[in-house]
Amino acid sequence: MPVFKPVEERFWSKVLQEDPNQCWMWTGAIDKKTHYGVFNLGTPTYRIVSSHRVSYEIAYGVIPNELELDHLCRNRACVNPLHLEAVSHRENILRGIGPFMAGMRQQTKLVCPKGHMYTEKSRRCRDGHISRRCLSCARAYAKAYMRRKRQLS
């Protein structure tokens, strides 16, 4: 049975850190599906864990069961504990960058880009797709369109 060096020594030997405020890049193994770094704790069961979780636990202690880590820098290979925050699953999803979250963020906005308040009438559904438009901006656009159309005729 192989003898492992202490966990922290083995862990930090796989981290490239140049500046304390920048991303600390994981140079060890990367999970092919999730693209997160992975680390073997070296226990008798050879437990494989995410490298960013190890970094966070070395710096701050155990992560509560109901929380998960969010990479504030959005870099999955980063293990800088300053770039990690323990948040609820919901919060982690809301901070995400996928297409679902883009739509969710859009639906939670209260005002349009020009500062007009969205109302319940602002929502519309076409072909099962819910969208939102500012009624004040839509009216202004329609008036300008009609004005241009009259000028051309």
N, C-alpha and C. Protein backbone atom coordinates (compact mmCIF):
# COMPACT_ATOMS: atom_id res chain seq x y z
N MET A 1 0.85 -1.18 0.00
CA MET A 1 0.00 0.00 0.00
C MET A 1 0.89 1.24 0.00
N PRO A 2 0.64 2.19 -0.94
CA PRO A 2 1.51 3.37 -1.02
C PRO A 2 1.34 4.29 0.19
N VAL A 3 2.42 4.95 0.54
CA VAL A 3 2.39 5.91 1.64
C VAL A 3 2.28 7.30 1.03
N PHE A 4 1.25 8.04 1.45
CA PHE A 4 1.01 9.37 0.91
C PHE A 4 1.67 10.42 1.78
N LYS A 5 2.11 11.50 1.15
CA LYS A 5 2.57 12.68 1.88
C LYS A 5 1.34 13.32 2.51
N PRO A 6 1.52 14.25 3.46
CA PRO A 6 0.35 14.93 4.04
C PRO A 6 -0.53 15.55 2.96
N VAL A 7 -1.84 15.55 3.18
CA VAL A 7 -2.82 16.01 2.20
C VAL A 7 -2.51 17.42 1.73
N GLU A 8 -2.28 18.35 2.64
CA GLU A 8 -2.03 19.74 2.24
C GLU A 8 -0.79 19.88 1.38
N GLU A 9 0.25 19.17 1.70
CA GLU A 9 1.49 19.23 0.92
C GLU A 9 1.24 18.73 -0.50
N ARG A 10 0.55 17.59 -0.63
CA ARG A 10 0.25 17.04 -1.95
C ARG A 10 -0.67 17.97 -2.73
N PHE A 11 -1.66 18.53 -2.01
CA PHE A 11 -2.63 19.41 -2.67
C PHE A 11 -1.95 20.65 -3.24
N TRP A 12 -1.22 21.39 -2.41
CA TRP A 12 -0.63 22.66 -2.86
C TRP A 12 0.46 22.46 -3.89
N SER A 13 1.03 21.25 -3.99
CA SER A 13 2.03 21.00 -5.03
C SER A 13 1.39 20.96 -6.42
N LYS A 14 0.07 20.85 -6.48
CA LYS A 14 -0.65 20.79 -7.75
C LYS A 14 -1.35 22.11 -8.09
N VAL A 15 -0.98 23.18 -7.37
CA VAL A 15 -1.61 24.48 -7.57
C VAL A 15 -0.57 25.49 -8.06
N LEU A 16 -0.92 26.21 -9.13
CA LEU A 16 -0.06 27.26 -9.66
C LEU A 16 -0.62 28.59 -9.18
N GLN A 17 0.07 29.19 -8.21
CA GLN A 17 -0.40 30.47 -7.66
C GLN A 17 0.69 31.52 -7.76
N GLU A 18 0.38 32.58 -8.49
CA GLU A 18 1.34 33.65 -8.68
C GLU A 18 0.97 34.88 -7.87
N ASP A 19 -0.29 35.23 -7.87
CA ASP A 19 -0.77 36.43 -7.18
C ASP A 19 -1.92 36.01 -6.26
N PRO A 20 -1.91 36.46 -4.98
CA PRO A 20 -2.96 36.03 -4.06
C PRO A 20 -4.37 36.44 -4.49
N ASN A 21 -4.50 37.48 -5.30
CA ASN A 21 -5.83 37.95 -5.71
C ASN A 21 -6.29 37.37 -7.04
N GLN A 22 -5.39 36.77 -7.80
CA GLN A 22 -5.73 36.18 -9.09
C GLN A 22 -6.15 34.72 -8.91
N CYS A 23 -6.61 34.11 -10.00
CA CYS A 23 -6.97 32.69 -9.95
C CYS A 23 -5.74 31.83 -9.67
N TRP A 24 -5.92 30.83 -8.82
CA TRP A 24 -4.88 29.83 -8.56
C TRP A 24 -5.27 28.61 -9.38
N MET A 25 -4.50 28.30 -10.38
CA MET A 25 -4.87 27.25 -11.32
C MET A 25 -4.52 25.86 -10.81
N TRP A 26 -5.47 24.95 -10.92
CA TRP A 26 -5.28 23.56 -10.56
C TRP A 26 -4.54 22.87 -11.71
N THR A 27 -3.40 22.26 -11.41
CA THR A 27 -2.59 21.60 -12.44
C THR A 27 -2.72 20.08 -12.37
N GLY A 28 -3.52 19.59 -11.44
CA GLY A 28 -3.71 18.15 -11.30
C GLY A 28 -4.78 17.64 -12.26
N ALA A 29 -5.36 16.51 -11.91
CA ALA A 29 -6.37 15.85 -12.76
C ALA A 29 -7.64 16.69 -12.86
N ILE A 30 -8.28 16.59 -14.02
CA ILE A 30 -9.54 17.30 -14.29
C ILE A 30 -10.61 16.27 -14.65
N ASP A 31 -11.79 16.40 -14.05
CA ASP A 31 -12.91 15.52 -14.36
C ASP A 31 -13.39 15.82 -15.78
N LYS A 32 -13.51 14.79 -16.64
CA LYS A 32 -13.86 14.98 -18.04
C LYS A 32 -15.29 15.48 -18.24
N LYS A 33 -16.19 15.14 -17.33
CA LYS A 33 -17.59 15.55 -17.48
C LYS A 33 -17.84 16.95 -16.94
N THR A 34 -17.34 17.23 -15.75
CA THR A 34 -17.65 18.52 -15.10
C THR A 34 -16.60 19.60 -15.37
N HIS A 35 -15.42 19.19 -15.77
CA HIS A 35 -14.29 20.10 -16.01
C HIS A 35 -13.78 20.78 -14.74
N TYR A 36 -14.10 20.22 -13.58
CA TYR A 36 -13.56 20.68 -12.31
C TYR A 36 -12.33 19.84 -11.98
N GLY A 37 -11.38 20.45 -11.25
CA GLY A 37 -10.22 19.69 -10.79
C GLY A 37 -10.64 18.64 -9.78
N VAL A 38 -9.94 17.50 -9.77
CA VAL A 38 -10.22 16.45 -8.79
C VAL A 38 -8.93 16.08 -8.06
N PHE A 39 -9.10 15.63 -6.82
CA PHE A 39 -7.96 15.35 -5.96
C PHE A 39 -8.23 14.09 -5.16
N ASN A 40 -7.23 13.23 -5.06
CA ASN A 40 -7.34 12.01 -4.27
C ASN A 40 -6.87 12.32 -2.85
N LEU A 41 -7.77 12.20 -1.89
CA LEU A 41 -7.41 12.49 -0.49
C LEU A 41 -6.40 11.51 0.06
N GLY A 42 -6.27 10.34 -0.56
CA GLY A 42 -5.28 9.37 -0.13
C GLY A 42 -5.67 8.56 1.09
N THR A 43 -6.95 8.58 1.41
CA THR A 43 -7.42 7.76 2.53
C THR A 43 -7.41 6.30 2.09
N PRO A 44 -7.58 5.37 3.01
CA PRO A 44 -7.59 3.95 2.61
C PRO A 44 -8.61 3.64 1.52
N THR A 45 -9.67 4.44 1.40
CA THR A 45 -10.67 4.18 0.37
C THR A 45 -10.38 4.95 -0.92
N TYR A 46 -9.28 5.69 -0.97
CA TYR A 46 -8.92 6.49 -2.14
C TYR A 46 -10.08 7.37 -2.57
N ARG A 47 -10.50 8.22 -1.69
CA ARG A 47 -11.65 9.09 -1.95
C ARG A 47 -11.25 10.24 -2.87
N ILE A 48 -11.93 10.38 -4.01
CA ILE A 48 -11.69 11.45 -4.98
C ILE A 48 -12.69 12.57 -4.70
N VAL A 49 -12.18 13.81 -4.56
CA VAL A 49 -13.04 14.96 -4.28
C VAL A 49 -12.66 16.11 -5.22
N SER A 50 -13.54 17.09 -5.31
CA SER A 50 -13.27 18.27 -6.14
C SER A 50 -12.17 19.10 -5.49
N SER A 51 -11.23 19.54 -6.29
CA SER A 51 -10.08 20.28 -5.76
C SER A 51 -10.48 21.62 -5.14
N HIS A 52 -11.48 22.29 -5.70
CA HIS A 52 -11.88 23.58 -5.12
C HIS A 52 -12.51 23.39 -3.73
N ARG A 53 -13.14 22.25 -3.51
CA ARG A 53 -13.70 21.97 -2.18
C ARG A 53 -12.60 21.76 -1.15
N VAL A 54 -11.53 21.07 -1.56
CA VAL A 54 -10.39 20.85 -0.66
C VAL A 54 -9.77 22.19 -0.28
N SER A 55 -9.57 23.05 -1.26
CA SER A 55 -8.98 24.37 -1.02
C SER A 55 -9.83 25.17 -0.03
N TYR A 56 -11.14 25.17 -0.26
CA TYR A 56 -12.05 25.92 0.62
C TYR A 56 -12.00 25.36 2.04
N GLU A 57 -12.01 24.04 2.17
CA GLU A 57 -12.02 23.43 3.51
C GLU A 57 -10.69 23.63 4.23
N ILE A 58 -9.58 23.67 3.52
CA ILE A 58 -8.29 23.97 4.15
C ILE A 58 -8.32 25.39 4.71
N ALA A 59 -8.89 26.31 3.93
CA ALA A 59 -8.91 27.72 4.32
C ALA A 59 -9.96 28.05 5.37
N TYR A 60 -11.17 27.51 5.22
CA TYR A 60 -12.30 27.95 6.04
C TYR A 60 -12.96 26.87 6.89
N GLY A 61 -12.66 25.63 6.67
CA GLY A 61 -13.32 24.56 7.41
C GLY A 61 -14.37 23.85 6.57
N VAL A 62 -15.14 23.01 7.23
CA VAL A 62 -16.11 22.15 6.55
C VAL A 62 -17.22 22.97 5.90
N ILE A 63 -17.62 22.56 4.71
CA ILE A 63 -18.73 23.19 3.98
C ILE A 63 -20.03 22.59 4.52
N PRO A 64 -20.97 23.41 5.00
CA PRO A 64 -22.24 22.86 5.50
C PRO A 64 -22.95 22.04 4.42
N ASN A 65 -23.64 20.99 4.83
CA ASN A 65 -24.31 20.07 3.89
C ASN A 65 -25.30 20.76 2.96
N GLU A 66 -25.98 21.79 3.44
CA GLU A 66 -27.01 22.44 2.63
C GLU A 66 -26.44 23.47 1.66
N LEU A 67 -25.12 23.67 1.69
CA LEU A 67 -24.49 24.67 0.82
C LEU A 67 -23.56 24.02 -0.20
N GLU A 68 -23.30 24.73 -1.27
CA GLU A 68 -22.34 24.30 -2.28
C GLU A 68 -21.47 25.50 -2.64
N LEU A 69 -20.34 25.23 -3.30
CA LEU A 69 -19.41 26.31 -3.60
C LEU A 69 -19.71 26.94 -4.96
N ASP A 70 -19.63 28.26 -4.99
CA ASP A 70 -19.79 29.03 -6.21
C ASP A 70 -18.45 29.66 -6.54
N HIS A 71 -18.00 29.48 -7.77
CA HIS A 71 -16.78 30.14 -8.24
C HIS A 71 -17.15 31.57 -8.63
N LEU A 72 -16.74 32.54 -7.85
CA LEU A 72 -17.05 33.93 -8.15
C LEU A 72 -16.34 34.39 -9.42
N CYS A 73 -15.21 33.76 -9.73
CA CYS A 73 -14.43 34.12 -10.92
C CYS A 73 -14.92 33.39 -12.17
N ARG A 74 -15.83 32.42 -12.03
CA ARG A 74 -16.36 31.60 -13.11
C ARG A 74 -15.32 30.72 -13.79
N ASN A 75 -14.19 30.48 -13.11
CA ASN A 75 -13.11 29.65 -13.64
C ASN A 75 -13.11 28.32 -12.88
N ARG A 76 -13.53 27.24 -13.52
CA ARG A 76 -13.66 25.95 -12.85
C ARG A 76 -12.33 25.36 -12.40
N ALA A 77 -11.23 25.79 -13.00
CA ALA A 77 -9.91 25.29 -12.62
C ALA A 77 -9.29 26.10 -11.48
N CYS A 78 -9.98 27.13 -11.02
CA CYS A 78 -9.45 27.98 -9.95
C CYS A 78 -9.72 27.34 -8.58
N VAL A 79 -8.68 27.36 -7.71
CA VAL A 79 -8.84 26.83 -6.36
C VAL A 79 -8.50 27.90 -5.31
N ASN A 80 -8.47 29.17 -5.71
CA ASN A 80 -8.21 30.25 -4.77
C ASN A 80 -9.42 30.36 -3.83
N PRO A 81 -9.23 30.16 -2.51
CA PRO A 81 -10.37 30.21 -1.61
C PRO A 81 -11.05 31.58 -1.57
N LEU A 82 -10.34 32.64 -1.96
CA LEU A 82 -10.95 33.97 -2.02
C LEU A 82 -11.96 34.07 -3.16
N HIS A 83 -11.87 33.18 -4.13
CA HIS A 83 -12.77 33.18 -5.28
C HIS A 83 -13.93 32.21 -5.10
N LEU A 84 -14.03 31.59 -3.92
CA LEU A 84 -15.07 30.60 -3.66
C LEU A 84 -15.99 31.09 -2.57
N GLU A 85 -17.29 30.85 -2.73
CA GLU A 85 -18.26 31.24 -1.71
C GLU A 85 -19.26 30.11 -1.52
N ALA A 86 -19.55 29.77 -0.27
CA ALA A 86 -20.54 28.74 0.03
C ALA A 86 -21.92 29.37 -0.04
N VAL A 87 -22.77 28.86 -0.94
CA VAL A 87 -24.11 29.40 -1.15
C VAL A 87 -25.10 28.24 -1.29
N SER A 88 -26.38 28.58 -1.24
CA SER A 88 -27.41 27.55 -1.46
C SER A 88 -27.41 27.15 -2.94
N HIS A 89 -28.02 26.01 -3.22
CA HIS A 89 -28.09 25.54 -4.61
C HIS A 89 -28.83 26.56 -5.47
N ARG A 90 -29.92 27.10 -4.94
CA ARG A 90 -30.72 28.08 -5.68
C ARG A 90 -29.87 29.30 -6.04
N GLU A 91 -29.13 29.82 -5.06
CA GLU A 91 -28.28 30.99 -5.30
C GLU A 91 -27.21 30.67 -6.35
N ASN A 92 -26.64 29.48 -6.29
CA ASN A 92 -25.62 29.09 -7.25
C ASN A 92 -26.21 29.04 -8.66
N ILE A 93 -27.40 28.51 -8.79
CA ILE A 93 -28.07 28.44 -10.09
C ILE A 93 -28.39 29.85 -10.59
N LEU A 94 -28.89 30.71 -9.71
CA LEU A 94 -29.24 32.07 -10.12
C LEU A 94 -28.02 32.87 -10.57
N ARG A 95 -26.86 32.54 -10.04
CA ARG A 95 -25.63 33.22 -10.44
C ARG A 95 -25.05 32.65 -11.72
N GLY A 96 -25.61 31.56 -12.20
CA GLY A 96 -25.06 30.87 -13.36
C GLY A 96 -25.14 31.69 -14.64
N ILE A 97 -24.58 31.13 -15.72
CA ILE A 97 -24.53 31.87 -16.97
C ILE A 97 -25.24 31.16 -18.12
N GLY A 98 -25.97 30.10 -17.84
CA GLY A 98 -26.62 29.34 -18.90
C GLY A 98 -27.84 30.06 -19.46
N PRO A 99 -28.41 29.55 -20.56
CA PRO A 99 -29.56 30.19 -21.19
C PRO A 99 -30.79 30.23 -20.29
N PHE A 100 -30.98 29.21 -19.47
CA PHE A 100 -32.12 29.21 -18.54
C PHE A 100 -32.03 30.40 -17.61
N MET A 101 -30.82 30.64 -17.08
CA MET A 101 -30.65 31.72 -16.12
C MET A 101 -30.76 33.09 -16.77
N ALA A 102 -30.37 33.20 -18.02
CA ALA A 102 -30.52 34.47 -18.72
C ALA A 102 -32.01 34.84 -18.76
N GLY A 103 -32.85 33.84 -19.06
CA GLY A 103 -34.30 34.08 -19.07
C GLY A 103 -34.85 34.39 -17.70
N MET A 104 -34.36 33.69 -16.67
CA MET A 104 -34.83 33.94 -15.31
C MET A 104 -34.46 35.34 -14.85
N ARG A 105 -33.23 35.78 -15.14
CA ARG A 105 -32.82 37.13 -14.76
C ARG A 105 -33.67 38.17 -15.47
N GLN A 106 -33.98 37.89 -16.73
CA GLN A 106 -34.81 38.83 -17.50
C GLN A 106 -36.20 38.95 -16.88
N GLN A 107 -36.76 37.85 -16.42
CA GLN A 107 -38.10 37.88 -15.84
C GLN A 107 -38.15 38.57 -14.49
N THR A 108 -37.03 38.65 -13.78
CA THR A 108 -37.03 39.28 -12.46
C THR A 108 -36.78 40.77 -12.52
N LYS A 109 -36.49 41.32 -13.71
CA LYS A 109 -36.25 42.75 -13.83
C LYS A 109 -37.55 43.52 -13.60
N LEU A 110 -37.45 44.66 -12.96
CA LEU A 110 -38.62 45.47 -12.65
C LEU A 110 -38.79 46.65 -13.61
N VAL A 111 -37.71 47.06 -14.25
CA VAL A 111 -37.77 48.20 -15.16
C VAL A 111 -37.10 47.84 -16.48
N CYS A 112 -37.53 48.49 -17.56
CA CYS A 112 -36.92 48.27 -18.87
C CYS A 112 -35.60 49.04 -18.94
N PRO A 113 -34.78 48.81 -19.97
CA PRO A 113 -33.51 49.52 -20.07
C PRO A 113 -33.64 51.04 -20.09
N LYS A 114 -34.81 51.56 -20.51
CA LYS A 114 -35.02 53.02 -20.53
C LYS A 114 -35.64 53.54 -19.24
N GLY A 115 -35.85 52.67 -18.26
CA GLY A 115 -36.32 53.11 -16.95
C GLY A 115 -37.81 53.02 -16.70
N HIS A 116 -38.60 52.52 -17.65
CA HIS A 116 -40.05 52.38 -17.46
C HIS A 116 -40.35 51.12 -16.64
N MET A 117 -41.34 51.20 -15.78
CA MET A 117 -41.73 50.05 -14.96
C MET A 117 -42.43 48.98 -15.81
N TYR A 118 -42.06 47.72 -15.57
CA TYR A 118 -42.77 46.61 -16.19
C TYR A 118 -44.04 46.37 -15.39
N THR A 119 -45.12 46.00 -16.08
CA THR A 119 -46.38 45.69 -15.42
C THR A 119 -46.79 44.26 -15.80
N GLU A 120 -47.90 43.81 -15.24
CA GLU A 120 -48.40 42.48 -15.59
C GLU A 120 -48.76 42.41 -17.07
N LYS A 121 -49.20 43.54 -17.64
CA LYS A 121 -49.56 43.57 -19.06
C LYS A 121 -48.32 43.48 -19.95
N SER A 122 -47.14 43.67 -19.35
CA SER A 122 -45.90 43.61 -20.13
C SER A 122 -45.57 42.18 -20.56
N ARG A 123 -46.13 41.21 -19.88
CA ARG A 123 -45.83 39.81 -20.21
C ARG A 123 -46.75 39.35 -21.32
N ARG A 124 -46.20 38.58 -22.24
CA ARG A 124 -47.03 38.00 -23.29
C ARG A 124 -46.52 36.60 -23.61
N CYS A 125 -47.42 35.79 -24.10
CA CYS A 125 -47.07 34.40 -24.38
C CYS A 125 -47.40 34.08 -25.83
N ARG A 126 -46.39 33.60 -26.56
CA ARG A 126 -46.59 33.18 -27.95
C ARG A 126 -45.96 31.82 -28.12
N ASP A 127 -46.70 30.88 -28.62
CA ASP A 127 -46.21 29.53 -28.86
C ASP A 127 -45.56 28.92 -27.62
N GLY A 128 -46.13 29.19 -26.46
CA GLY A 128 -45.61 28.64 -25.21
C GLY A 128 -44.39 29.35 -24.67
N HIS A 129 -43.91 30.38 -25.37
CA HIS A 129 -42.74 31.15 -24.93
C HIS A 129 -43.20 32.44 -24.28
N ILE A 130 -42.83 32.65 -23.04
CA ILE A 130 -43.19 33.87 -22.32
C ILE A 130 -42.11 34.91 -22.55
N SER A 131 -42.52 36.08 -22.97
CA SER A 131 -41.56 37.17 -23.15
C SER A 131 -42.10 38.42 -22.45
N ARG A 132 -41.30 39.44 -22.44
CA ARG A 132 -41.69 40.67 -21.78
C ARG A 132 -41.31 41.83 -22.67
N ARG A 133 -42.17 42.84 -22.73
CA ARG A 133 -41.85 44.05 -23.47
C ARG A 133 -42.38 45.24 -22.70
N CYS A 134 -41.71 46.34 -22.82
CA CYS A 134 -42.12 47.56 -22.14
C CYS A 134 -43.23 48.21 -22.96
N LEU A 135 -44.38 48.44 -22.35
CA LEU A 135 -45.50 49.01 -23.08
C LEU A 135 -45.22 50.46 -23.49
N SER A 136 -44.54 51.21 -22.63
CA SER A 136 -44.22 52.61 -22.96
C SER A 136 -43.29 52.67 -24.16
N CYS A 137 -42.28 51.85 -24.17
CA CYS A 137 -41.33 51.81 -25.30
C CYS A 137 -42.02 51.31 -26.57
N ALA A 138 -42.91 50.30 -26.43
CA ALA A 138 -43.62 49.76 -27.59
C ALA A 138 -44.53 50.82 -28.19
N ARG A 139 -45.21 51.62 -27.37
CA ARG A 139 -46.07 52.70 -27.87
C ARG A 139 -45.24 53.76 -28.59
N ALA A 140 -44.11 54.14 -28.00
CA ALA A 140 -43.24 55.14 -28.61
C ALA A 140 -42.71 54.64 -29.96
N TYR A 141 -42.35 53.36 -30.01
CA TYR A 141 -41.86 52.78 -31.26
C TYR A 141 -42.97 52.79 -32.32
N ALA A 142 -44.18 52.42 -31.92
CA ALA A 142 -45.31 52.38 -32.86
C ALA A 142 -45.62 53.78 -33.40
N LYS A 143 -45.58 54.79 -32.53
CA LYS A 143 -45.84 56.17 -32.98
C LYS A 143 -44.76 56.62 -33.98
N ALA A 144 -43.50 56.33 -33.67
CA ALA A 144 -42.40 56.72 -34.56
C ALA A 144 -42.52 55.99 -35.89
N TYR A 145 -42.91 54.72 -35.85
CA TYR A 145 -43.08 53.94 -37.07
C TYR A 145 -44.18 54.54 -37.94
N MET A 146 -45.30 54.88 -37.33
CA MET A 146 -46.42 55.46 -38.08
C MET A 146 -46.03 56.82 -38.66
N ARG A 147 -45.27 57.61 -37.92
CA ARG A 147 -44.81 58.91 -38.38
C ARG A 147 -43.92 58.74 -39.63
N ARG A 148 -42.98 57.79 -39.57
CA ARG A 148 -42.10 57.52 -40.70
C ARG A 148 -42.89 57.02 -41.91
N LYS A 149 -43.87 56.18 -41.65
CA LYS A 149 -44.68 55.61 -42.73
C LYS A 149 -45.48 56.71 -43.44
N ARG A 150 -46.03 57.65 -42.64
CA ARG A 150 -46.79 58.77 -43.23
C ARG A 150 -45.90 59.67 -44.06
N GLN A 151 -44.67 59.86 -43.61
CA GLN A 151 -43.74 60.74 -44.33
C GLN A 151 -43.35 60.14 -45.68
N LEU A 152 -43.28 58.83 -45.77
CA LEU A 152 -42.91 58.18 -47.03
C LEU A 152 -44.04 58.19 -48.05
N SER A 153 -45.31 58.29 -47.58
CA SER A 153 -46.41 58.23 -48.54
C SER A 153 -46.86 59.59 -49.00
